[in-house]
Amino acid sequence: MKRVFYCVISLFCIAWIGIYVASPVFAYFYYKNQFMEQTAECSLAMDETWYIEQVESKTLNQTAKVHLLACHEYDKTRKIMLAMRVPESVLGYLGLEAIELHQRSIEPLIEQHRFRER
């Protein structure tokens, strides 16, 4: 009976370590680069979509919608990483790193904050 108890406790500990330690570490290293690339692509797609909406071009608007599919892939990868228990704070940090690595000039970033009308 004692042996069964120790076996059950050992299996429980192994499962706990697998779920709460091994799974997040594996997911982090396996999906890290993919997540960072998709974060940068989605950020760029959102910025471009905003600019296209300001121009009000129907042809470009269709292109913008297709370009936003990058955000769908980003969301899927993010959900997988969250399901594998990678902390939200780690995903936020990776997102910031991705945006910093794929920086553009400052002009497009400040353009969206300029007043068009008063």
PDB file of N, CA and C in Angstrom:
ATOM      1  N   MET A   1       0.816  -1.188   0.000  1.00  0.00           N
ATOM      2  CA  MET A   1       0.000   0.000   0.000  1.00  0.00           C
ATOM      3  C   MET A   1       0.872   1.269   0.000  1.00  0.00           C
ATOM      4  N   LYS A   2       1.930   1.206   0.787  1.00  0.00           N
ATOM      5  CA  LYS A   2       2.844   2.341   0.853  1.00  0.00           C
ATOM      6  C   LYS A   2       3.513   2.582  -0.498  1.00  0.00           C
ATOM      7  N   ARG A   3       3.844   1.508  -1.165  1.00  0.00           N
ATOM      8  CA  ARG A   3       4.496   1.591  -2.474  1.00  0.00           C
ATOM      9  C   ARG A   3       3.561   2.230  -3.503  1.00  0.00           C
ATOM     10  N   VAL A   4       2.287   1.894  -3.475  1.00  0.00           N
ATOM     11  CA  VAL A   4       1.296   2.472  -4.388  1.00  0.00           C
ATOM     12  C   VAL A   4       1.166   3.971  -4.117  1.00  0.00           C
ATOM     13  N   PHE A   5       1.140   4.325  -2.838  1.00  0.00           N
ATOM     14  CA  PHE A   5       1.043   5.735  -2.463  1.00  0.00           C
ATOM     15  C   PHE A   5       2.227   6.526  -3.014  1.00  0.00           C
ATOM     16  N   TYR A   6       3.442   6.018  -2.834  1.00  0.00           N
ATOM     17  CA  TYR A   6       4.640   6.691  -3.343  1.00  0.00           C
ATOM     18  C   TYR A   6       4.633   6.769  -4.868  1.00  0.00           C
ATOM     19  N   CYS A   7       4.135   5.741  -5.499  1.00  0.00           N
ATOM     20  CA  CYS A   7       4.048   5.726  -6.965  1.00  0.00           C
ATOM     21  C   CYS A   7       3.073   6.801  -7.450  1.00  0.00           C
ATOM     22  N   VAL A   8       1.918   6.905  -6.790  1.00  0.00           N
ATOM     23  CA  VAL A   8       0.915   7.906  -7.165  1.00  0.00           C
ATOM     24  C   VAL A   8       1.463   9.319  -6.936  1.00  0.00           C
ATOM     25  N   ILE A   9       2.113   9.531  -5.800  1.00  0.00           N
ATOM     26  CA  ILE A   9       2.695  10.841  -5.504  1.00  0.00           C
ATOM     27  C   ILE A   9       3.784  11.181  -6.516  1.00  0.00           C
ATOM     28  N   SER A  10       4.606  10.217  -6.873  1.00  0.00           N
ATOM     29  CA  SER A  10       5.666  10.444  -7.863  1.00  0.00           C
ATOM     30  C   SER A  10       5.081  10.817  -9.218  1.00  0.00           C
ATOM     31  N   LEU A  11       4.057  10.101  -9.649  1.00  0.00           N
ATOM     32  CA  LEU A  11       3.402  10.413 -10.923  1.00  0.00           C
ATOM     33  C   LEU A  11       2.773  11.808 -10.891  1.00  0.00           C
ATOM     34  N   PHE A  12       2.168  12.148  -9.764  1.00  0.00           N
ATOM     35  CA  PHE A  12       1.582  13.476  -9.616  1.00  0.00           C
ATOM     36  C   PHE A  12       2.659  14.558  -9.733  1.00  0.00           C
ATOM     37  N   CYS A  13       3.786  14.357  -9.074  1.00  0.00           N
ATOM     38  CA  CYS A  13       4.886  15.336  -9.127  1.00  0.00           C
ATOM     39  C   CYS A  13       5.446  15.468 -10.541  1.00  0.00           C
ATOM     40  N   ILE A  14       5.598  14.352 -11.225  1.00  0.00           N
ATOM     41  CA  ILE A  14       6.103  14.384 -12.603  1.00  0.00           C
ATOM     42  C   ILE A  14       5.124  15.130 -13.511  1.00  0.00           C
ATOM     43  N   ALA A  15       3.825  14.859 -13.339  1.00  0.00           N
ATOM     44  CA  ALA A  15       2.812  15.545 -14.145  1.00  0.00           C
ATOM     45  C   ALA A  15       2.813  17.043 -13.847  1.00  0.00           C
ATOM     46  N   TRP A  16       2.931  17.405 -12.575  1.00  0.00           N
ATOM     47  CA  TRP A  16       2.940  18.815 -12.187  1.00  0.00           C
ATOM     48  C   TRP A  16       4.139  19.538 -12.798  1.00  0.00           C
ATOM     49  N   ILE A  17       5.298  18.924 -12.710  1.00  0.00           N
ATOM     50  CA  ILE A  17       6.507  19.522 -13.293  1.00  0.00           C
ATOM     51  C   ILE A  17       6.357  19.648 -14.806  1.00  0.00           C
ATOM     52  N   GLY A  18       5.772  18.640 -15.435  1.00  0.00           N
ATOM     53  CA  GLY A  18       5.563  18.697 -16.883  1.00  0.00           C
ATOM     54  C   GLY A  18       4.637  19.824 -17.291  1.00  0.00           C
ATOM     55  N   ILE A  19       3.549  20.011 -16.535  1.00  0.00           N
ATOM     56  CA  ILE A  19       2.553  21.025 -16.888  1.00  0.00           C
ATOM     57  C   ILE A  19       3.029  22.434 -16.554  1.00  0.00           C
ATOM     58  N   TYR A  20       3.592  22.617 -15.379  1.00  0.00           N
ATOM     59  CA  TYR A  20       3.900  23.964 -14.896  1.00  0.00           C
ATOM     60  C   TYR A  20       5.340  24.419 -15.116  1.00  0.00           C
ATOM     61  N   VAL A  21       6.230  23.505 -15.470  1.00  0.00           N
ATOM     62  CA  VAL A  21       7.623  23.894 -15.677  1.00  0.00           C
ATOM     63  C   VAL A  21       8.082  23.561 -17.097  1.00  0.00           C
ATOM     64  N   ALA A  22       8.007  22.304 -17.464  1.00  0.00           N
ATOM     65  CA  ALA A  22       8.543  21.871 -18.761  1.00  0.00           C
ATOM     66  C   ALA A  22       7.746  22.440 -19.938  1.00  0.00           C
ATOM     67  N   SER A  23       6.428  22.421 -19.837  1.00  0.00           N
ATOM     68  CA  SER A  23       5.591  22.897 -20.939  1.00  0.00           C
ATOM     69  C   SER A  23       5.828  24.378 -21.254  1.00  0.00           C
ATOM     70  N   PRO A  24       5.818  25.285 -20.256  1.00  0.00           N
ATOM     71  CA  PRO A  24       6.090  26.691 -20.582  1.00  0.00           C
ATOM     72  C   PRO A  24       7.495  26.930 -21.139  1.00  0.00           C
ATOM     73  N   VAL A  25       8.477  26.228 -20.597  1.00  0.00           N
ATOM     74  CA  VAL A  25       9.850  26.406 -21.087  1.00  0.00           C
ATOM     75  C   VAL A  25       9.960  25.923 -22.529  1.00  0.00           C
ATOM     76  N   PHE A  26       9.375  24.770 -22.819  1.00  0.00           N
ATOM     77  CA  PHE A  26       9.390  24.237 -24.182  1.00  0.00           C
ATOM     78  C   PHE A  26       8.680  25.200 -25.136  1.00  0.00           C
ATOM     79  N   ALA A  27       7.481  25.664 -24.751  1.00  0.00           N
ATOM     80  CA  ALA A  27       6.707  26.563 -25.613  1.00  0.00           C
ATOM     81  C   ALA A  27       7.462  27.862 -25.867  1.00  0.00           C
ATOM     82  N   TYR A  28       8.111  28.378 -24.841  1.00  0.00           N
ATOM     83  CA  TYR A  28       8.860  29.624 -24.991  1.00  0.00           C
ATOM     84  C   TYR A  28       9.944  29.478 -26.047  1.00  0.00           C
ATOM     85  N   PHE A  29      10.757  28.457 -25.930  1.00  0.00           N
ATOM     86  CA  PHE A  29      11.867  28.306 -26.868  1.00  0.00           C
ATOM     87  C   PHE A  29      11.405  27.851 -28.252  1.00  0.00           C
ATOM     88  N   TYR A  30      10.335  27.076 -28.324  1.00  0.00           N
ATOM     89  CA  TYR A  30       9.859  26.568 -29.607  1.00  0.00           C
ATOM     90  C   TYR A  30       9.162  27.668 -30.418  1.00  0.00           C
ATOM     91  N   TYR A  31       8.350  28.499 -29.757  1.00  0.00           N
ATOM     92  CA  TYR A  31       7.539  29.494 -30.463  1.00  0.00           C
ATOM     93  C   TYR A  31       8.093  30.915 -30.404  1.00  0.00           C
ATOM     94  N   LYS A  32       9.179  31.146 -29.695  1.00  0.00           N
ATOM     95  CA  LYS A  32       9.695  32.498 -29.466  1.00  0.00           C
ATOM     96  C   LYS A  32       9.926  33.276 -30.762  1.00  0.00           C
ATOM     97  N   ASN A  33      10.714  32.748 -31.668  1.00  0.00           N
ATOM     98  CA  ASN A  33      11.042  33.472 -32.908  1.00  0.00           C
ATOM     99  C   ASN A  33       9.817  33.677 -33.786  1.00  0.00           C
ATOM    100  N   GLN A  34       8.994  32.643 -33.890  1.00  0.00           N
ATOM    101  CA  GLN A  34       7.768  32.745 -34.684  1.00  0.00           C
ATOM    102  C   GLN A  34       6.856  33.831 -34.105  1.00  0.00           C
ATOM    103  N   PHE A  35       6.712  33.853 -32.794  1.00  0.00           N
ATOM    104  CA  PHE A  35       5.864  34.846 -32.135  1.00  0.00           C
ATOM    105  C   PHE A  35       6.384  36.260 -32.363  1.00  0.00           C
ATOM    106  N   MET A  36       7.689  36.428 -32.264  1.00  0.00           N
ATOM    107  CA  MET A  36       8.264  37.761 -32.452  1.00  0.00           C
ATOM    108  C   MET A  36       8.091  38.246 -33.888  1.00  0.00           C
ATOM    109  N   GLU A  37       8.283  37.368 -34.865  1.00  0.00           N
ATOM    110  CA  GLU A  37       8.082  37.746 -36.269  1.00  0.00           C
ATOM    111  C   GLU A  37       6.628  38.124 -36.522  1.00  0.00           C
ATOM    112  N   GLN A  38       5.710  37.319 -35.989  1.00  0.00           N
ATOM    113  CA  GLN A  38       4.293  37.591 -36.202  1.00  0.00           C
ATOM    114  C   GLN A  38       3.848  38.862 -35.484  1.00  0.00           C
ATOM    115  N   THR A  39       4.444  39.152 -34.352  1.00  0.00           N
ATOM    116  CA  THR A  39       4.135  40.397 -33.643  1.00  0.00           C
ATOM    117  C   THR A  39       4.530  41.598 -34.492  1.00  0.00           C
ATOM    118  N   ALA A  40       5.715  41.557 -35.054  1.00  0.00           N
ATOM    119  CA  ALA A  40       6.181  42.663 -35.895  1.00  0.00           C
ATOM    120  C   ALA A  40       5.312  42.799 -37.143  1.00  0.00           C
ATOM    121  N   GLU A  41       4.951  41.674 -37.772  1.00  0.00           N
ATOM    122  CA  GLU A  41       4.105  41.717 -38.970  1.00  0.00           C
ATOM    123  C   GLU A  41       2.730  42.291 -38.648  1.00  0.00           C
ATOM    124  N   CYS A  42       2.158  41.878 -37.527  1.00  0.00           N
ATOM    125  CA  CYS A  42       0.835  42.370 -37.144  1.00  0.00           C
ATOM    126  C   CYS A  42       0.884  43.858 -36.817  1.00  0.00           C
ATOM    127  N   SER A  43       1.914  44.281 -36.133  1.00  0.00           N
ATOM    128  CA  SER A  43       2.067  45.701 -35.806  1.00  0.00           C
ATOM    129  C   SER A  43       2.160  46.536 -37.080  1.00  0.00           C
ATOM    130  N   LEU A  44       2.955  46.071 -38.023  1.00  0.00           N
ATOM    131  CA  LEU A  44       3.085  46.765 -39.300  1.00  0.00           C
ATOM    132  C   LEU A  44       1.754  46.777 -40.051  1.00  0.00           C
ATOM    133  N   ALA A  45       1.047  45.654 -40.046  1.00  0.00           N
ATOM    134  CA  ALA A  45      -0.244  45.569 -40.736  1.00  0.00           C
ATOM    135  C   ALA A  45      -1.255  46.539 -40.126  1.00  0.00           C
ATOM    136  N   MET A  46      -1.274  46.645 -38.814  1.00  0.00           N
ATOM    137  CA  MET A  46      -2.212  47.574 -38.168  1.00  0.00           C
ATOM    138  C   MET A  46      -1.868  49.019 -38.499  1.00  0.00           C
ATOM    139  N   ASP A  47      -0.578  49.351 -38.494  1.00  0.00           N
ATOM    140  CA  ASP A  47      -0.172  50.712 -38.854  1.00  0.00           C
ATOM    141  C   ASP A  47      -0.540  51.030 -40.295  1.00  0.00           C
ATOM    142  N   GLU A  48      -0.255  50.112 -41.207  1.00  0.00           N
ATOM    143  CA  GLU A  48      -0.569  50.339 -42.619  1.00  0.00           C
ATOM    144  C   GLU A  48      -2.071  50.454 -42.839  1.00  0.00           C
ATOM    145  N   THR A  49      -2.843  49.651 -42.140  1.00  0.00           N
ATOM    146  CA  THR A  49      -4.295  49.713 -42.270  1.00  0.00           C
ATOM    147  C   THR A  49      -4.817  51.069 -41.821  1.00  0.00           C
ATOM    148  N   TRP A  50      -4.259  51.587 -40.753  1.00  0.00           N
ATOM    149  CA  TRP A  50      -4.687  52.899 -40.270  1.00  0.00           C
ATOM    150  C   TRP A  50      -4.418  53.971 -41.324  1.00  0.00           C
ATOM    151  N   TYR A  51      -3.239  53.927 -41.919  1.00  0.00           N
ATOM    152  CA  TYR A  51      -2.903  54.915 -42.951  1.00  0.00           C
ATOM    153  C   TYR A  51      -3.806  54.762 -44.174  1.00  0.00           C
ATOM    154  N   ILE A  52      -4.086  53.538 -44.562  1.00  0.00           N
ATOM    155  CA  ILE A  52      -4.941  53.297 -45.731  1.00  0.00           C
ATOM    156  C   ILE A  52      -6.353  53.801 -45.469  1.00  0.00           C
ATOM    157  N   GLU A  53      -6.846  53.622 -44.248  1.00  0.00           N
ATOM    158  CA  GLU A  53      -8.181  54.124 -43.916  1.00  0.00           C
ATOM    159  C   GLU A  53      -8.240  55.646 -43.983  1.00  0.00           C
ATOM    160  N   GLN A  54      -7.146  56.317 -43.706  1.00  0.00           N
ATOM    161  CA  GLN A  54      -7.109  57.776 -43.794  1.00  0.00           C
ATOM    162  C   GLN A  54      -7.217  58.238 -45.246  1.00  0.00           C
ATOM    163  N   VAL A  55      -6.669  57.450 -46.171  1.00  0.00           N
ATOM    164  CA  VAL A  55      -6.709  57.785 -47.594  1.00  0.00           C
ATOM    165  C   VAL A  55      -8.088  57.498 -48.182  1.00  0.00           C
ATOM    166  N   GLU A  56      -8.815  56.554 -47.605  1.00  0.00           N
ATOM    167  CA  GLU A  56     -10.152  56.139 -48.041  1.00  0.00           C
ATOM    168  C   GLU A  56     -10.158  55.593 -49.466  1.00  0.00           C
ATOM    169  N   SER A  57      -9.246  54.705 -49.754  1.00  0.00           N
ATOM    170  CA  SER A  57      -9.184  54.060 -51.060  1.00  0.00           C
ATOM    171  C   SER A  57      -9.775  52.657 -50.942  1.00  0.00           C
ATOM    172  N   LYS A  58     -10.763  52.344 -51.778  1.00  0.00           N
ATOM    173  CA  LYS A  58     -11.424  51.037 -51.679  1.00  0.00           C
ATOM    174  C   LYS A  58     -10.505  49.892 -52.092  1.00  0.00           C
ATOM    175  N   THR A  59      -9.690  50.122 -53.105  1.00  0.00           N
ATOM    176  CA  THR A  59      -8.765  49.052 -53.529  1.00  0.00           C
ATOM    177  C   THR A  59      -7.733  48.786 -52.448  1.00  0.00           C
ATOM    178  N   LEU A  60      -7.170  49.842 -51.910  1.00  0.00           N
ATOM    179  CA  LEU A  60      -6.184  49.663 -50.852  1.00  0.00           C
ATOM    180  C   LEU A  60      -6.825  49.096 -49.589  1.00  0.00           C
ATOM    181  N   ASN A  61      -8.098  49.406 -49.372  1.00  0.00           N
ATOM    182  CA  ASN A  61      -8.799  48.888 -48.202  1.00  0.00           C
ATOM    183  C   ASN A  61      -8.891  47.363 -48.256  1.00  0.00           C
ATOM    184  N   GLN A  62      -9.137  46.804 -49.441  1.00  0.00           N
ATOM    185  CA  GLN A  62      -9.161  45.345 -49.595  1.00  0.00           C
ATOM    186  C   GLN A  62      -7.786  44.753 -49.302  1.00  0.00           C
ATOM    187  N   THR A  63      -6.751  45.419 -49.776  1.00  0.00           N
ATOM    188  CA  THR A  63      -5.385  44.969 -49.525  1.00  0.00           C
ATOM    189  C   THR A  63      -5.084  44.994 -48.031  1.00  0.00           C
ATOM    190  N   ALA A  64      -5.552  46.023 -47.361  1.00  0.00           N
ATOM    191  CA  ALA A  64      -5.318  46.142 -45.920  1.00  0.00           C
ATOM    192  C   ALA A  64      -5.980  45.000 -45.164  1.00  0.00           C
ATOM    193  N   LYS A  65      -7.175  44.627 -45.591  1.00  0.00           N
ATOM    194  CA  LYS A  65      -7.871  43.519 -44.921  1.00  0.00           C
ATOM    195  C   LYS A  65      -7.103  42.213 -45.077  1.00  0.00           C
ATOM    196  N   VAL A  66      -6.556  41.992 -46.245  1.00  0.00           N
ATOM    197  CA  VAL A  66      -5.757  40.781 -46.466  1.00  0.00           C
ATOM    198  C   VAL A  66      -4.486  40.835 -45.622  1.00  0.00           C
ATOM    199  N   HIS A  67      -3.906  42.020 -45.544  1.00  0.00           N
ATOM    200  CA  HIS A  67      -2.670  42.189 -44.772  1.00  0.00           C
ATOM    201  C   HIS A  67      -2.907  41.923 -43.282  1.00  0.00           C
ATOM    202  N   LEU A  68      -4.121  42.187 -42.816  1.00  0.00           N
ATOM    203  CA  LEU A  68      -4.437  41.969 -41.398  1.00  0.00           C
ATOM    204  C   LEU A  68      -4.537  40.490 -41.028  1.00  0.00           C
ATOM    205  N   LEU A  69      -4.489  39.603 -42.014  1.00  0.00           N
ATOM    206  CA  LEU A  69      -4.469  38.171 -41.702  1.00  0.00           C
ATOM    207  C   LEU A  69      -3.227  37.801 -40.897  1.00  0.00           C
ATOM    208  N   ALA A  70      -2.193  38.618 -40.989  1.00  0.00           N
ATOM    209  CA  ALA A  70      -0.992  38.386 -40.171  1.00  0.00           C
ATOM    210  C   ALA A  70      -1.348  38.445 -38.693  1.00  0.00           C
ATOM    211  N   CYS A  71      -2.309  39.277 -38.338  1.00  0.00           N
ATOM    212  CA  CYS A  71      -2.726  39.378 -36.935  1.00  0.00           C
ATOM    213  C   CYS A  71      -3.441  38.111 -36.481  1.00  0.00           C
ATOM    214  N   HIS A  72      -4.118  37.450 -37.396  1.00  0.00           N
ATOM    215  CA  HIS A  72      -4.782  36.188 -37.049  1.00  0.00           C
ATOM    216  C   HIS A  72      -3.745  35.124 -36.687  1.00  0.00           C
ATOM    217  N   GLU A  73      -2.689  35.050 -37.469  1.00  0.00           N
ATOM    218  CA  GLU A  73      -1.618  34.089 -37.174  1.00  0.00           C
ATOM    219  C   GLU A  73      -0.935  34.427 -35.851  1.00  0.00           C
ATOM    220  N   TYR A  74      -0.744  35.709 -35.613  1.00  0.00           N
ATOM    221  CA  TYR A  74      -0.167  36.161 -34.337  1.00  0.00           C
ATOM    222  C   TYR A  74      -1.050  35.717 -33.169  1.00  0.00           C
ATOM    223  N   ASP A  75      -2.371  35.927 -33.307  1.00  0.00           N
ATOM    224  CA  ASP A  75      -3.301  35.535 -32.244  1.00  0.00           C
ATOM    225  C   ASP A  75      -3.268  34.036 -31.982  1.00  0.00           C
ATOM    226  N   LYS A  76      -3.192  33.249 -33.046  1.00  0.00           N
ATOM    227  CA  LYS A  76      -3.151  31.792 -32.867  1.00  0.00           C
ATOM    228  C   LYS A  76      -1.901  31.362 -32.109  1.00  0.00           C
ATOM    229  N   THR A  77      -0.756  31.906 -32.490  1.00  0.00           N
ATOM    230  CA  THR A  77       0.496  31.553 -31.808  1.00  0.00           C
ATOM    231  C   THR A  77       0.454  32.004 -30.354  1.00  0.00           C
ATOM    232  N   ARG A  78      -0.096  33.176 -30.122  1.00  0.00           N
ATOM    233  CA  ARG A  78      -0.205  33.698 -28.755  1.00  0.00           C
ATOM    234  C   ARG A  78      -1.089  32.798 -27.897  1.00  0.00           C
ATOM    235  N   LYS A  79      -2.204  32.357 -28.453  1.00  0.00           N
ATOM    236  CA  LYS A  79      -3.116  31.481 -27.705  1.00  0.00           C
ATOM    237  C   LYS A  79      -2.459  30.132 -27.392  1.00  0.00           C
ATOM    238  N   ILE A  80      -1.693  29.613 -28.332  1.00  0.00           N
ATOM    239  CA  ILE A  80      -0.979  28.355 -28.086  1.00  0.00           C
ATOM    240  C   ILE A  80       0.000  28.530 -26.933  1.00  0.00           C
ATOM    241  N   MET A  81       0.735  29.630 -26.958  1.00  0.00           N
ATOM    242  CA  MET A  81       1.713  29.863 -25.893  1.00  0.00           C
ATOM    243  C   MET A  81       1.030  30.062 -24.543  1.00  0.00           C
ATOM    244  N   LEU A  82      -0.103  30.760 -24.529  1.00  0.00           N
ATOM    245  CA  LEU A  82      -0.841  30.924 -23.278  1.00  0.00           C
ATOM    246  C   LEU A  82      -1.401  29.593 -22.785  1.00  0.00           C
ATOM    247  N   ALA A  83      -1.881  28.764 -23.709  1.00  0.00           N
ATOM    248  CA  ALA A  83      -2.404  27.451 -23.324  1.00  0.00           C
ATOM    249  C   ALA A  83      -1.312  26.565 -22.742  1.00  0.00           C
ATOM    250  N   MET A  84      -0.087  26.776 -23.192  1.00  0.00           N
ATOM    251  CA  MET A  84       1.038  26.000 -22.657  1.00  0.00           C
ATOM    252  C   MET A  84       1.656  26.695 -21.441  1.00  0.00           C
ATOM    253  N   ARG A  85       0.912  27.662 -20.888  1.00  0.00           N
ATOM    254  CA  ARG A  85       1.239  28.334 -19.624  1.00  0.00           C
ATOM    255  C   ARG A  85       2.450  29.256 -19.664  1.00  0.00           C
ATOM    256  N   VAL A  86       2.746  29.818 -20.818  1.00  0.00           N
ATOM    257  CA  VAL A  86       3.765  30.867 -20.869  1.00  0.00           C
ATOM    258  C   VAL A  86       3.101  32.118 -20.286  1.00  0.00           C
ATOM    259  N   PRO A  87       3.705  32.757 -19.298  1.00  0.00           N
ATOM    260  CA  PRO A  87       3.058  33.908 -18.644  1.00  0.00           C
ATOM    261  C   PRO A  87       2.812  35.078 -19.601  1.00  0.00           C
ATOM    262  N   GLU A  88       1.734  35.797 -19.333  1.00  0.00           N
ATOM    263  CA  GLU A  88       1.359  36.968 -20.130  1.00  0.00           C
ATOM    264  C   GLU A  88       2.474  38.016 -20.127  1.00  0.00           C
ATOM    265  N   SER A  89       3.140  38.169 -18.994  1.00  0.00           N
ATOM    266  CA  SER A  89       4.220  39.162 -18.910  1.00  0.00           C
ATOM    267  C   SER A  89       5.377  38.804 -19.842  1.00  0.00           C
ATOM    268  N   VAL A  90       5.653  37.527 -20.009  1.00  0.00           N
ATOM    269  CA  VAL A  90       6.717  37.088 -20.923  1.00  0.00           C
ATOM    270  C   VAL A  90       6.311  37.384 -22.364  1.00  0.00           C
ATOM    271  N   LEU A  91       5.046  37.132 -22.699  1.00  0.00           N
ATOM    272  CA  LEU A  91       4.572  37.429 -24.053  1.00  0.00           C
ATOM    273  C   LEU A  91       4.624  38.931 -24.331  1.00  0.00           C
ATOM    274  N   GLY A  92       4.277  39.733 -23.338  1.00  0.00           N
ATOM    275  CA  GLY A  92       4.367  41.182 -23.495  1.00  0.00           C
ATOM    276  C   GLY A  92       5.794  41.634 -23.748  1.00  0.00           C
ATOM    277  N   TYR A  93       6.723  41.059 -23.014  1.00  0.00           N
ATOM    278  CA  TYR A  93       8.135  41.396 -23.202  1.00  0.00           C
ATOM    279  C   TYR A  93       8.617  40.991 -24.595  1.00  0.00           C
ATOM    280  N   LEU A  94       8.236  39.795 -25.035  1.00  0.00           N
ATOM    281  CA  LEU A  94       8.625  39.350 -26.376  1.00  0.00           C
ATOM    282  C   LEU A  94       8.050  40.278 -27.446  1.00  0.00           C
ATOM    283  N   GLY A  95       6.817  40.736 -27.235  1.00  0.00           N
ATOM    284  CA  GLY A  95       6.201  41.666 -28.179  1.00  0.00           C
ATOM    285  C   GLY A  95       6.971  42.972 -28.273  1.00  0.00           C
ATOM    286  N   LEU A  96       7.376  43.504 -27.120  1.00  0.00           N
ATOM    287  CA  LEU A  96       8.165  44.739 -27.126  1.00  0.00           C
ATOM    288  C   LEU A  96       9.513  44.533 -27.797  1.00  0.00           C
ATOM    289  N   GLU A  97      10.139  43.413 -27.521  1.00  0.00           N
ATOM    290  CA  GLU A  97      11.419  43.095 -28.160  1.00  0.00           C
ATOM    291  C   GLU A  97      11.262  43.033 -29.680  1.00  0.00           C
ATOM    292  N   ALA A  98      10.182  42.398 -30.129  1.00  0.00           N
ATOM    293  CA  ALA A  98       9.954  42.257 -31.574  1.00  0.00           C
ATOM    294  C   ALA A  98       9.782  43.614 -32.235  1.00  0.00           C
ATOM    295  N   ILE A  99       9.020  44.486 -31.599  1.00  0.00           N
ATOM    296  CA  ILE A  99       8.786  45.809 -32.180  1.00  0.00           C
ATOM    297  C   ILE A  99      10.078  46.621 -32.189  1.00  0.00           C
ATOM    298  N   GLU A 100      10.886  46.479 -31.137  1.00  0.00           N
ATOM    299  CA  GLU A 100      12.167  47.193 -31.106  1.00  0.00           C
ATOM    300  C   GLU A 100      13.121  46.673 -32.175  1.00  0.00           C
ATOM    301  N   LEU A 101      13.130  45.370 -32.399  1.00  0.00           N
ATOM    302  CA  LEU A 101      14.025  44.795 -33.398  1.00  0.00           C
ATOM    303  C   LEU A 101      13.652  45.201 -34.815  1.00  0.00           C
ATOM    304  N   HIS A 102      12.363  45.420 -35.049  1.00  0.00           N
ATOM    305  CA  HIS A 102      11.885  45.762 -36.388  1.00  0.00           C
ATOM    306  C   HIS A 102      11.467  47.230 -36.444  1.00  0.00           C
ATOM    307  N   GLN A 103      12.268  48.089 -35.852  1.00  0.00           N
ATOM    308  CA  GLN A 103      11.934  49.510 -35.805  1.00  0.00           C
ATOM    309  C   GLN A 103      11.956  50.132 -37.189  1.00  0.00           C
ATOM    310  N   ARG A 104      11.065  51.100 -37.326  1.00  0.00           N
ATOM    311  CA  ARG A 104      11.045  51.920 -38.534  1.00  0.00           C
ATOM    312  C   ARG A 104      11.452  53.329 -38.128  1.00  0.00           C
ATOM    313  N   SER A 105      11.505  54.207 -39.093  1.00  0.00           N
ATOM    314  CA  SER A 105      11.853  55.590 -38.755  1.00  0.00           C
ATOM    315  C   SER A 105      10.749  56.176 -37.879  1.00  0.00           C
ATOM    316  N   ILE A 106      11.060  57.228 -37.179  1.00  0.00           N
ATOM    317  CA  ILE A 106      10.128  57.831 -36.236  1.00  0.00           C
ATOM    318  C   ILE A 106       8.982  58.562 -36.936  1.00  0.00           C
ATOM    319  N   GLU A 107       9.197  59.005 -38.164  1.00  0.00           N
ATOM    320  CA  GLU A 107       8.189  59.795 -38.880  1.00  0.00           C
ATOM    321  C   GLU A 107       6.839  59.078 -39.009  1.00  0.00           C
ATOM    322  N   PRO A 108       6.789  57.826 -39.454  1.00  0.00           N
ATOM    323  CA  PRO A 108       5.480  57.168 -39.538  1.00  0.00           C
ATOM    324  C   PRO A 108       4.806  56.999 -38.174  1.00  0.00           C
ATOM    325  N   LEU A 109       5.598  56.874 -37.131  1.00  0.00           N
ATOM    326  CA  LEU A 109       5.009  56.691 -35.809  1.00  0.00           C
ATOM    327  C   LEU A 109       4.388  57.979 -35.280  1.00  0.00           C
ATOM    328  N   ILE A 110       5.027  59.120 -35.548  1.00  0.00           N
ATOM    329  CA  ILE A 110       4.466  60.370 -35.044  1.00  0.00           C
ATOM    330  C   ILE A 110       3.381  60.918 -35.964  1.00  0.00           C
ATOM    331  N   GLU A 111       3.353  60.473 -37.201  1.00  0.00           N
ATOM    332  CA  GLU A 111       2.364  60.963 -38.165  1.00  0.00           C
ATOM    333  C   GLU A 111       0.942  60.710 -37.674  1.00  0.00           C
ATOM    334  N   GLN A 112       0.716  59.594 -37.054  1.00  0.00           N
ATOM    335  CA  GLN A 112      -0.636  59.254 -36.612  1.00  0.00           C
ATOM    336  C   GLN A 112      -1.106  60.122 -35.445  1.00  0.00           C
ATOM    337  N   HIS A 113      -0.199  60.845 -34.811  1.00  0.00           N
ATOM    338  CA  HIS A 113      -0.575  61.685 -33.681  1.00  0.00           C
ATOM    339  C   HIS A 113      -0.741  63.156 -34.062  1.00  0.00           C
ATOM    340  N   ARG A 114      -0.535  63.482 -35.306  1.00  0.00           N
ATOM    341  CA  ARG A 114      -0.696  64.867 -35.753  1.00  0.00           C
ATOM    342  C   ARG A 114      -2.175  65.163 -35.987  1.00  0.00           C
ATOM    343  N   PHE A 115      -2.556  66.400 -35.696  1.00  0.00           N
ATOM    344  CA  PHE A 115      -3.933  66.813 -35.928  1.00  0.00           C
ATOM    345  C   PHE A 115      -4.167  67.028 -37.417  1.00  0.00           C
ATOM    346  N   ARG A 116      -5.264  66.535 -37.922  1.00  0.00           N
ATOM    347  CA  ARG A 116      -5.647  66.749 -39.315  1.00  0.00           C
ATOM    348  C   ARG A 116      -6.613  67.935 -39.408  1.00  0.00           C
ATOM    349  N   GLU A 117      -7.502  68.016 -38.436  1.00  0.00           N
ATOM    350  CA  GLU A 117      -8.496  69.086 -38.413  1.00  0.00           C
ATOM    351  C   GLU A 117      -8.647  69.567 -36.984  1.00  0.00           C
ATOM    352  N   ARG A 118      -9.178  70.750 -36.863  1.00  0.00           N
ATOM    353  CA  ARG A 118      -9.483  71.283 -35.522  1.00  0.00           C
ATOM    354  C   ARG A 118     -10.903  71.722 -35.482  1.00  0.00           C
TER     355      ARG A 118
END
